[in-house]
Amino acid sequence: MAMHYQGFEVSIYEKVHKFLRLGDSLGLGENALRLLERWGLHDKLIEIGNKSEMMQIRRWHDGKILAQQPLMDMAGYIGHRGDYHEEFLGRVRELGIPINMGCNVVAYDEDEPSLTLSNGEVHKADVIVAADGIKSVARELVLGFEDKPKSSGYACFRAYFKGAYLKEDPLCREFVEKECVNIWIGNDVHLVQNTLRDGDEFNWIITHKDTEDIKESWFQPGDMNEVRKLVSDVDPRIGAAVRKTKECLDWKICYRDPIPSWVSKSHKIALLGDSCHAHLPTSAQGASQATESAAVLALCLKLAGKGNVPLATRVYEKLRFERVRKSQLNGEDIRDRWHNALKNLDDNVEIDPETVKMRNRWLYPFDAEADTLQRWQEVSAQVSKELQAGNISPLFEAAPAIQTSRVH
C-alpha cells in the first residue's frame, strides 16, 4: 500500500497457498494508524480493536490492581491478527495490486535484482523488498552468512477461543461480560488476557521462562498440563478461565540481535519488518514499526527518483534504525520490570504504579513520512558521500567479541 501510494507498480509473492484466520492478538498504535489512514484504511481497523478504555496490571496470585493506564498506552487498538490481516488484504486487492500465492522464493540475484521461485520462475524488478519474517531467507543474503534465530529464554503459551461459555462460571465471568484487557505479573512470568467482540472471543497469553531448544515449528501444540502447573498459584478468577481452556499453542519467543545492514551489497534488496527488526510481544509495536518502515522505504524511493535505488535503500535503513532499536528495547524493559517487580516483596508492601506501567506513549505522536521529509536532505547527503566512496557505514558499531553480552 505504501509503495502504491508513492506511485510504484508492485507485485507480491507469497509463500502460502491460502490465507487463514491465524494467530490471536495484534496491536496497532496511533503511529501506524496515521499512515494506514492515508492508504485508505482506518475506520474498519478501529472497529476491530478492543473497545476497553483502560487496562489493569494486576498482582499474580490475587489479582490486586497494581496500576491502571489507558489501553492506548499499551498497543493502541488490540484486535485479532486474522481480522486485521483480512482488512489489509482487502485494501491491497481494491488497489489492484497482484498477490501471487503459493510462490516460494528460493534464491535472489541481487545484481539484477531478481528472485527465483521453487518452480523455476524468475521475476525481475528495480527493487526487492523482503518482508519474509523472522526466518527470512533474504536476511542471510544481506548479512553474507547464516543467522538463525536464537531463543530469548522465554516462551508463550497462547490460546484464543469463543469465550461465551466462560460466562457460566461466576469466578471468571467478569472477564467476558465486556471487552477488557488485564495483565497479571509475577516472578519471571506474566499473563495477558484480552476479550473481544463484547465477550464472544477470549485470548490469554502466558509468558514464562523456557530453556528448551527452538523446534522446527514454533507454533506447536501446547501441553495444557504444563499450563495448569504455571497457573496453579495465579489469581483464581483468571486461573479458572485458563483451566477451562481446551487447547493452546506453545510459541518459543525468538530473539534477533541487531544487524549492521538491512540492505544487500548491491543496495537493491531491502529487508523490512521481522526480517530485520523483530520485536518481542511485550513491545506491542512489531506491526506498527513494520508499517512505519514501509512508509519510509516507499517515500525514500520516491524522493531518490528513478535509477537511484541505492540512495533510497541506504537512507531508509539509516532513518529507521535508531527508532526501531529503542522500540525493541522497550519490549525487553517492560518484560523485565514485570517479571522482577514483586520479587522479595511482602503482600502488604505497596509498589509505585509507575514501575510497572508500559512506556510506549512516546512512540505514538511520530509521523514516519513527515520525519522522512524533514531529514531527507541531511541523511541523503551523507549517504551520497558514502556511496561515492564505496564505504557504507554500518547501522551500529558492534563491540569486540570479548566484551559482548546478550540481554534476554
Protein backbone atom coordinates (compact mmCIF):
# COMPACT_ATOMS: atom_id res chain seq x y z
CA MET A 1 0.00 0.00 0.00
CA ALA A 2 2.82 2.41 0.86
CA MET A 3 4.55 1.71 -2.47
CA HIS A 4 1.31 2.10 -4.40
CA TYR A 5 0.59 5.49 -2.85
CA GLN A 6 4.04 6.73 -3.80
CA GLY A 7 3.32 5.82 -7.43
CA PHE A 8 5.12 2.49 -7.81
CA GLU A 9 3.96 -0.68 -9.54
CA VAL A 10 4.03 -3.52 -7.04
CA SER A 11 3.81 -7.32 -7.24
CA ILE A 12 3.60 -9.54 -4.16
CA TYR A 13 4.94 -13.09 -3.99
CA GLU A 14 3.57 -15.03 -1.03
CA LYS A 15 4.67 -18.49 0.10
CA VAL A 16 1.35 -19.81 1.47
CA HIS A 17 -1.38 -21.07 -0.85
CA LYS A 18 -4.27 -19.66 1.19
CA PHE A 19 -4.61 -17.09 3.93
CA LEU A 20 -6.31 -18.34 7.10
CA ARG A 21 -7.50 -16.56 10.24
CA LEU A 22 -4.46 -17.48 12.29
CA GLY A 23 -2.92 -16.19 15.49
CA ASP A 24 -4.51 -14.15 18.23
CA SER A 25 -3.92 -10.60 19.48
CA LEU A 26 -2.20 -7.89 17.49
CA GLY A 27 -1.95 -4.20 18.31
CA LEU A 28 -1.85 -1.17 16.02
CA GLY A 29 -0.72 2.09 17.57
CA GLU A 30 -1.62 5.61 16.52
CA ASN A 31 1.76 5.87 14.79
CA ALA A 32 0.69 3.10 12.37
CA LEU A 33 -2.96 4.12 12.04
CA ARG A 34 -1.90 7.62 11.00
CA LEU A 35 -0.17 6.11 7.96
CA LEU A 36 -2.80 3.48 7.22
CA GLU A 37 -5.49 6.15 7.06
CA ARG A 38 -3.57 7.82 4.22
CA TRP A 39 -3.56 4.48 2.40
CA GLY A 40 -7.32 4.08 2.70
CA LEU A 41 -7.57 2.03 5.90
CA HIS A 42 -8.72 3.34 9.24
CA ASP A 43 -12.33 3.08 10.37
CA LYS A 44 -12.54 -0.66 9.76
CA LEU A 45 -9.35 -1.18 11.73
CA ILE A 46 -10.73 0.83 14.65
CA GLU A 47 -13.85 -1.36 14.64
CA ILE A 48 -11.72 -4.49 15.02
CA GLY A 49 -9.85 -3.22 18.07
CA ASN A 50 -10.65 -3.70 21.74
CA LYS A 51 -13.08 -1.02 22.98
CA SER A 52 -11.89 -1.00 26.58
CA GLU A 53 -10.65 2.41 27.67
CA MET A 54 -8.30 1.17 30.38
CA MET A 55 -6.13 -1.85 31.11
CA GLN A 56 -5.27 -3.19 34.54
CA ILE A 57 -1.90 -4.52 35.65
CA ARG A 58 -2.54 -6.97 38.49
CA ARG A 59 -0.62 -8.92 41.10
CA TRP A 60 -0.15 -12.54 40.08
CA HIS A 61 -1.57 -14.51 42.98
CA ASP A 62 -4.61 -12.46 43.95
CA GLY A 63 -5.34 -10.06 41.08
CA LYS A 64 -4.89 -6.91 43.13
CA ILE A 65 -4.66 -3.93 40.74
CA LEU A 66 -1.13 -2.52 40.91
CA ALA A 67 -1.55 0.02 38.12
CA GLN A 68 -4.12 1.16 35.62
CA GLN A 69 -3.47 3.05 32.41
CA PRO A 70 -5.18 3.80 29.10
CA LEU A 71 -5.18 0.82 26.76
CA MET A 72 -3.80 3.10 24.05
CA ASP A 73 -0.60 3.35 26.12
CA MET A 74 -0.05 -0.38 25.56
CA ALA A 75 -0.53 -1.29 21.93
CA GLY A 76 -3.17 1.08 20.65
CA TYR A 77 -6.05 -0.91 19.23
CA ILE A 78 -5.77 -4.63 20.03
CA GLY A 79 -7.69 -6.99 17.77
CA HIS A 80 -7.43 -10.42 16.21
CA ARG A 81 -4.44 -10.71 13.90
CA GLY A 82 -6.53 -12.54 11.31
CA ASP A 83 -9.17 -9.80 11.21
CA TYR A 84 -6.57 -7.09 10.70
CA HIS A 85 -4.84 -9.20 8.08
CA GLU A 86 -8.07 -9.60 6.11
CA GLU A 87 -8.63 -5.83 6.07
CA PHE A 88 -5.08 -5.26 4.84
CA LEU A 89 -5.51 -7.85 2.09
CA GLY A 90 -8.88 -6.44 1.10
CA ARG A 91 -7.42 -2.98 0.65
CA VAL A 92 -4.48 -4.32 -1.37
CA ARG A 93 -6.93 -6.08 -3.70
CA GLU A 94 -9.02 -2.91 -4.04
CA LEU A 95 -5.90 -1.10 -5.21
CA GLY A 96 -5.36 -3.73 -7.90
CA ILE A 97 -2.05 -4.96 -6.52
CA PRO A 98 -1.49 -8.59 -7.58
CA ILE A 99 -0.89 -11.11 -4.79
CA ASN A 100 0.76 -14.22 -6.22
CA MET A 101 0.04 -17.11 -3.84
CA GLY A 102 1.99 -20.33 -3.41
CA CYS A 103 5.22 -18.66 -4.54
CA ASN A 104 8.16 -19.97 -2.54
CA VAL A 105 11.23 -17.77 -3.06
CA VAL A 106 14.34 -19.95 -3.03
CA ALA A 107 17.03 -17.60 -4.34
CA TYR A 108 17.88 -13.99 -5.11
CA ASP A 109 20.12 -12.39 -7.71
CA GLU A 110 20.87 -9.05 -6.15
CA ASP A 111 22.58 -7.52 -9.17
CA GLU A 112 19.56 -7.85 -11.47
CA PRO A 113 17.83 -7.74 -8.99
CA SER A 114 15.56 -10.75 -9.30
CA LEU A 115 14.05 -13.55 -7.29
CA THR A 116 13.72 -17.20 -8.24
CA LEU A 117 10.73 -19.32 -7.21
CA SER A 118 10.80 -23.03 -6.40
CA ASN A 119 9.09 -23.74 -9.76
CA GLY A 120 11.98 -22.12 -11.60
CA GLU A 121 10.28 -18.83 -12.46
CA VAL A 122 12.46 -15.72 -12.29
CA HIS A 123 10.95 -12.29 -11.60
CA LYS A 124 12.88 -9.05 -12.04
CA ALA A 125 12.26 -5.63 -10.52
CA ASP A 126 14.00 -2.33 -9.77
CA VAL A 127 14.00 -3.14 -6.07
CA ILE A 128 13.03 -6.18 -3.98
CA VAL A 129 11.55 -5.74 -0.51
CA ALA A 130 11.93 -8.87 1.58
CA ALA A 131 9.23 -8.83 4.28
CA ASP A 132 9.75 -12.54 4.84
CA GLY A 133 9.66 -12.76 8.62
CA ILE A 134 11.98 -13.85 11.39
CA LYS A 135 13.11 -16.92 9.40
CA SER A 136 13.99 -14.66 6.46
CA VAL A 137 15.86 -16.19 3.52
CA ALA A 138 16.89 -12.74 2.29
CA ARG A 139 18.44 -11.83 5.64
CA GLU A 140 21.27 -14.30 5.08
CA LEU A 141 21.93 -12.78 1.65
CA VAL A 142 22.19 -9.32 3.20
CA LEU A 143 24.45 -10.49 6.03
CA GLY A 144 26.56 -12.84 3.96
CA PHE A 145 26.31 -15.67 6.48
CA GLU A 146 23.73 -17.94 8.10
CA ASP A 147 21.99 -16.26 11.00
CA LYS A 148 19.48 -18.48 12.76
CA PRO A 149 17.02 -17.06 15.29
CA LYS A 150 18.09 -17.53 18.90
CA SER A 151 15.94 -18.35 21.89
CA SER A 152 15.12 -15.35 24.05
CA GLY A 153 14.98 -17.59 27.09
CA TYR A 154 11.20 -17.23 27.17
CA ALA A 155 8.20 -18.91 25.60
CA CYS A 156 4.46 -18.20 25.41
CA PHE A 157 1.51 -20.46 25.86
CA ARG A 158 -1.26 -18.84 23.81
CA ALA A 159 -4.97 -19.56 23.39
CA TYR A 160 -7.80 -17.88 21.51
CA PHE A 161 -11.34 -19.23 21.59
CA LYS A 162 -15.04 -18.44 21.75
CA GLY A 163 -15.44 -17.25 25.31
CA ALA A 164 -19.21 -17.25 25.77
CA TYR A 165 -19.18 -20.45 27.87
CA LEU A 166 -16.97 -18.72 30.45
CA LYS A 167 -19.97 -16.56 31.34
CA GLU A 168 -21.42 -19.61 33.08
CA ASP A 169 -18.58 -19.61 35.62
CA PRO A 170 -19.05 -16.99 38.38
CA LEU A 171 -15.29 -17.00 39.04
CA CYS A 172 -14.22 -15.68 35.62
CA ARG A 173 -17.49 -14.20 34.34
CA GLU A 174 -16.29 -10.61 34.85
CA PHE A 175 -13.62 -11.04 32.16
CA VAL A 176 -16.12 -11.95 29.42
CA GLU A 177 -19.01 -9.67 30.26
CA LYS A 178 -17.40 -6.85 28.29
CA GLU A 179 -14.25 -6.10 26.33
CA CYS A 180 -11.27 -5.73 28.63
CA VAL A 181 -7.52 -6.21 28.93
CA ASN A 182 -5.83 -7.37 32.13
CA ILE A 183 -2.22 -8.28 32.83
CA TRP A 184 -1.12 -10.40 35.80
CA ILE A 185 2.56 -10.07 36.72
CA GLY A 186 4.58 -12.46 38.86
CA ASN A 187 8.10 -13.73 39.38
CA ASP A 188 9.53 -14.50 35.91
CA VAL A 189 6.02 -14.82 34.45
CA HIS A 190 3.15 -12.68 33.21
CA LEU A 191 -0.29 -13.38 31.77
CA VAL A 192 -2.17 -11.11 29.36
CA GLN A 193 -5.94 -11.51 28.92
CA ASN A 194 -7.79 -9.86 26.05
CA THR A 195 -11.56 -10.04 25.50
CA LEU A 196 -13.04 -9.05 22.12
CA ARG A 197 -16.44 -8.81 20.43
CA ASP A 198 -18.30 -8.00 23.66
CA GLY A 199 -17.05 -11.16 25.34
CA ASP A 200 -17.61 -13.57 22.46
CA GLU A 201 -13.88 -14.09 21.88
CA PHE A 202 -11.29 -14.63 24.59
CA ASN A 203 -7.49 -14.64 24.42
CA TRP A 204 -4.84 -15.35 27.02
CA ILE A 205 -1.04 -15.40 26.66
CA ILE A 206 1.30 -16.65 29.39
CA THR A 207 4.97 -15.67 29.00
CA HIS A 208 7.33 -17.78 31.08
CA LYS A 209 10.96 -18.85 31.36
CA ASP A 210 11.89 -21.54 28.84
CA THR A 211 15.21 -23.25 28.21
CA GLU A 212 14.20 -25.72 25.51
CA ASP A 213 15.79 -25.57 22.09
CA ILE A 214 13.82 -23.97 19.29
CA LYS A 215 11.80 -26.61 17.48
CA GLU A 216 11.36 -26.68 13.71
CA SER A 217 7.88 -25.29 14.23
CA TRP A 218 7.47 -22.55 16.81
CA PHE A 219 3.69 -22.81 16.67
CA GLN A 220 3.43 -26.26 18.20
CA PRO A 221 0.57 -27.63 20.32
CA GLY A 222 0.93 -26.66 23.97
CA ASP A 223 0.71 -29.03 26.91
CA MET A 224 -2.28 -27.89 28.97
CA ASN A 225 -0.95 -29.87 31.94
CA GLU A 226 2.15 -27.65 31.90
CA VAL A 227 -0.08 -24.60 31.60
CA ARG A 228 -2.12 -25.67 34.64
CA LYS A 229 1.08 -26.01 36.66
CA LEU A 230 2.08 -22.48 35.65
CA VAL A 231 -1.24 -21.06 36.82
CA SER A 232 -1.56 -23.17 39.96
CA ASP A 233 -0.96 -20.10 42.14
CA VAL A 234 -2.45 -17.38 39.91
CA ASP A 235 -5.49 -15.24 40.78
CA PRO A 236 -8.29 -17.87 40.95
CA ARG A 237 -10.51 -15.81 38.64
CA ILE A 238 -8.23 -15.87 35.61
CA GLY A 239 -6.97 -19.29 36.67
CA ALA A 240 -10.49 -20.65 36.20
CA ALA A 241 -10.61 -19.33 32.63
CA VAL A 242 -7.21 -20.82 31.78
CA ARG A 243 -8.05 -24.21 33.27
CA LYS A 244 -11.25 -24.37 31.22
CA THR A 245 -9.25 -23.88 28.01
CA LYS A 246 -9.25 -27.00 25.85
CA GLU A 247 -6.06 -26.39 23.85
CA CYS A 248 -3.29 -23.88 23.31
CA LEU A 249 -0.14 -23.23 21.32
CA ASP A 250 3.42 -23.29 22.63
CA TRP A 251 5.36 -20.48 20.95
CA LYS A 252 9.08 -20.07 21.53
CA ILE A 253 9.93 -16.37 21.63
CA CYS A 254 12.93 -15.92 19.39
CA TYR A 255 15.43 -13.11 19.59
CA ARG A 256 17.36 -11.37 16.84
CA ASP A 257 20.46 -9.35 17.54
CA PRO A 258 20.50 -6.06 15.61
CA ILE A 259 22.27 -6.37 12.28
CA PRO A 260 24.70 -3.83 10.76
CA SER A 261 22.77 -3.54 7.50
CA TRP A 262 19.22 -4.07 6.25
CA VAL A 263 20.27 -3.79 2.60
CA SER A 264 22.22 -6.12 0.29
CA LYS A 265 25.64 -5.22 -1.14
CA SER A 266 24.13 -4.06 -4.45
CA HIS A 267 21.71 -1.88 -2.41
CA LYS A 268 18.77 -3.31 -4.38
CA ILE A 269 17.30 -5.81 -1.88
CA ALA A 270 15.95 -4.33 1.35
CA LEU A 271 14.70 -6.11 4.45
CA LEU A 272 11.55 -4.95 6.21
CA GLY A 273 9.67 -5.90 9.38
CA ASP A 274 10.60 -9.05 11.32
CA SER A 275 13.30 -9.93 8.80
CA CYS A 276 15.41 -7.05 10.15
CA HIS A 277 13.74 -5.64 13.27
CA ALA A 278 11.78 -8.36 15.08
CA HIS A 279 10.11 -7.23 18.31
CA LEU A 280 9.25 -9.10 21.48
CA PRO A 281 5.50 -9.40 22.12
CA THR A 282 5.86 -7.10 25.14
CA SER A 283 6.93 -4.24 22.88
CA ALA A 284 3.39 -4.18 21.44
CA GLN A 285 4.91 -2.41 18.43
CA GLY A 286 6.03 -5.06 15.93
CA ALA A 287 3.25 -4.44 13.40
CA SER A 288 3.30 -0.69 13.93
CA GLN A 289 7.06 -0.42 13.37
CA ALA A 290 6.80 -2.55 10.23
CA THR A 291 4.13 -0.14 8.97
CA GLU A 292 6.42 2.81 9.66
CA SER A 293 9.29 1.09 7.83
CA ALA A 294 7.08 0.51 4.79
CA ALA A 295 6.13 4.19 4.70
CA VAL A 296 9.74 5.34 4.98
CA LEU A 297 11.10 2.96 2.32
CA ALA A 298 8.39 3.91 -0.17
CA LEU A 299 8.89 7.63 0.37
CA CYS A 300 12.68 7.32 0.11
CA LEU A 301 12.31 5.58 -3.26
CA LYS A 302 10.11 8.42 -4.47
CA LEU A 303 12.42 11.17 -3.19
CA ALA A 304 15.52 9.48 -4.64
CA GLY A 305 13.94 9.21 -8.08
CA LYS A 306 14.21 6.59 -10.78
CA GLY A 307 17.59 4.96 -11.03
CA ASN A 308 18.61 5.95 -7.50
CA VAL A 309 17.56 2.81 -5.64
CA PRO A 310 20.88 2.58 -3.70
CA LEU A 311 20.39 6.09 -2.32
CA ALA A 312 16.82 5.29 -1.29
CA THR A 313 17.50 1.99 0.46
CA ARG A 314 20.54 3.26 2.34
CA VAL A 315 18.72 6.36 3.57
CA TYR A 316 15.80 4.16 4.58
CA GLU A 317 17.86 1.98 6.91
CA LYS A 318 19.62 4.96 8.48
CA LEU A 319 16.33 6.77 9.11
CA ARG A 320 14.79 3.73 10.74
CA PHE A 321 17.45 2.00 12.81
CA GLU A 322 17.65 4.15 15.95
CA ARG A 323 13.89 4.44 16.46
CA VAL A 324 13.31 0.75 15.84
CA ARG A 325 16.08 -0.22 18.24
CA LYS A 326 14.57 1.89 21.02
CA SER A 327 11.19 0.30 20.36
CA GLN A 328 12.71 -3.18 20.57
CA LEU A 329 14.45 -2.38 23.85
CA ASN A 330 11.14 -1.07 25.20
CA GLY A 331 9.81 -4.62 24.92
CA GLU A 332 12.73 -6.04 26.89
CA ASP A 333 12.39 -3.33 29.51
CA ILE A 334 8.70 -3.89 30.30
CA ARG A 335 9.08 -7.66 30.38
CA ASP A 336 11.97 -7.41 32.84
CA ARG A 337 10.16 -4.86 35.01
CA TRP A 338 7.04 -7.05 35.16
CA HIS A 339 9.00 -10.20 35.93
CA ASN A 340 11.01 -8.61 38.74
CA ALA A 341 8.62 -6.07 40.30
CA LEU A 342 7.30 -8.35 43.02
CA LYS A 343 10.41 -10.34 43.87
CA ASN A 344 11.15 -10.36 47.61
CA LEU A 345 8.15 -8.13 48.35
CA ASP A 346 5.56 -8.84 51.01
CA ASP A 347 1.89 -8.56 50.07
CA ASN A 348 1.41 -5.55 52.32
CA VAL A 349 4.13 -3.54 50.58
CA GLU A 350 2.75 -1.03 48.10
CA ILE A 351 4.69 -0.58 44.88
CA ASP A 352 4.92 2.58 42.82
CA PRO A 353 2.42 2.08 39.93
CA GLU A 354 4.81 3.83 37.55
CA THR A 355 7.32 0.99 37.92
CA VAL A 356 5.01 -1.49 36.15
CA LYS A 357 3.34 0.75 33.57
CA MET A 358 4.09 0.45 29.87
CA ARG A 359 6.13 3.30 28.40
CA ASN A 360 5.03 3.35 24.77
CA ARG A 361 3.29 6.73 24.71
CA TRP A 362 6.36 8.49 23.28
CA LEU A 363 6.09 6.34 20.14
CA TYR A 364 2.62 7.48 19.09
CA PRO A 365 2.91 11.16 18.02
CA PHE A 366 5.59 10.23 15.48
CA ASP A 367 4.78 10.67 11.77
CA ALA A 368 7.17 8.47 9.77
CA GLU A 369 6.53 10.25 6.47
CA ALA A 370 6.91 13.74 7.95
CA ASP A 371 10.14 12.67 9.67
CA THR A 372 11.48 11.32 6.37
CA LEU A 373 10.73 14.59 4.57
CA GLN A 374 12.36 16.60 7.35
CA ARG A 375 15.56 14.55 7.49
CA TRP A 376 15.89 13.55 3.83
CA GLN A 377 18.31 16.29 2.77
CA GLU A 378 20.75 15.72 5.62
CA VAL A 379 20.78 11.93 5.54
CA SER A 380 20.74 11.61 1.74
CA ALA A 381 23.77 13.93 1.54
CA GLN A 382 25.61 11.67 3.99
CA VAL A 383 24.60 8.51 2.09
CA SER A 384 25.59 10.04 -1.27
CA LYS A 385 29.12 10.59 0.03
CA GLU A 386 29.28 7.03 1.35
CA LEU A 387 28.08 5.60 -1.97
CA GLN A 388 30.65 7.64 -3.91
CA ALA A 389 33.39 6.44 -1.57
CA GLY A 390 32.13 2.85 -1.76
CA ASN A 391 32.08 2.67 2.02
CA ILE A 392 28.64 2.36 3.62
CA SER A 393 28.76 2.97 7.37
CA PRO A 394 27.14 0.17 9.42
CA LEU A 395 23.94 0.88 11.33
CA PHE A 396 25.78 0.31 14.60
CA GLU A 397 29.27 -0.49 15.76
CA ALA A 398 29.42 -3.96 17.29
CA ALA A 399 31.55 -4.24 20.40
CA PRO A 400 34.59 -6.55 20.32
CA ALA A 401 33.52 -10.16 20.81
CA ILE A 402 35.18 -10.45 24.20
CA GLN A 403 33.05 -7.60 25.54
CA THR A 404 29.71 -8.52 24.06
CA SER A 405 26.89 -9.97 26.06
CA ARG A 406 23.30 -10.61 25.27
CA VAL A 407 20.35 -9.31 27.25
CA HIS A 408 17.33 -11.60 27.31
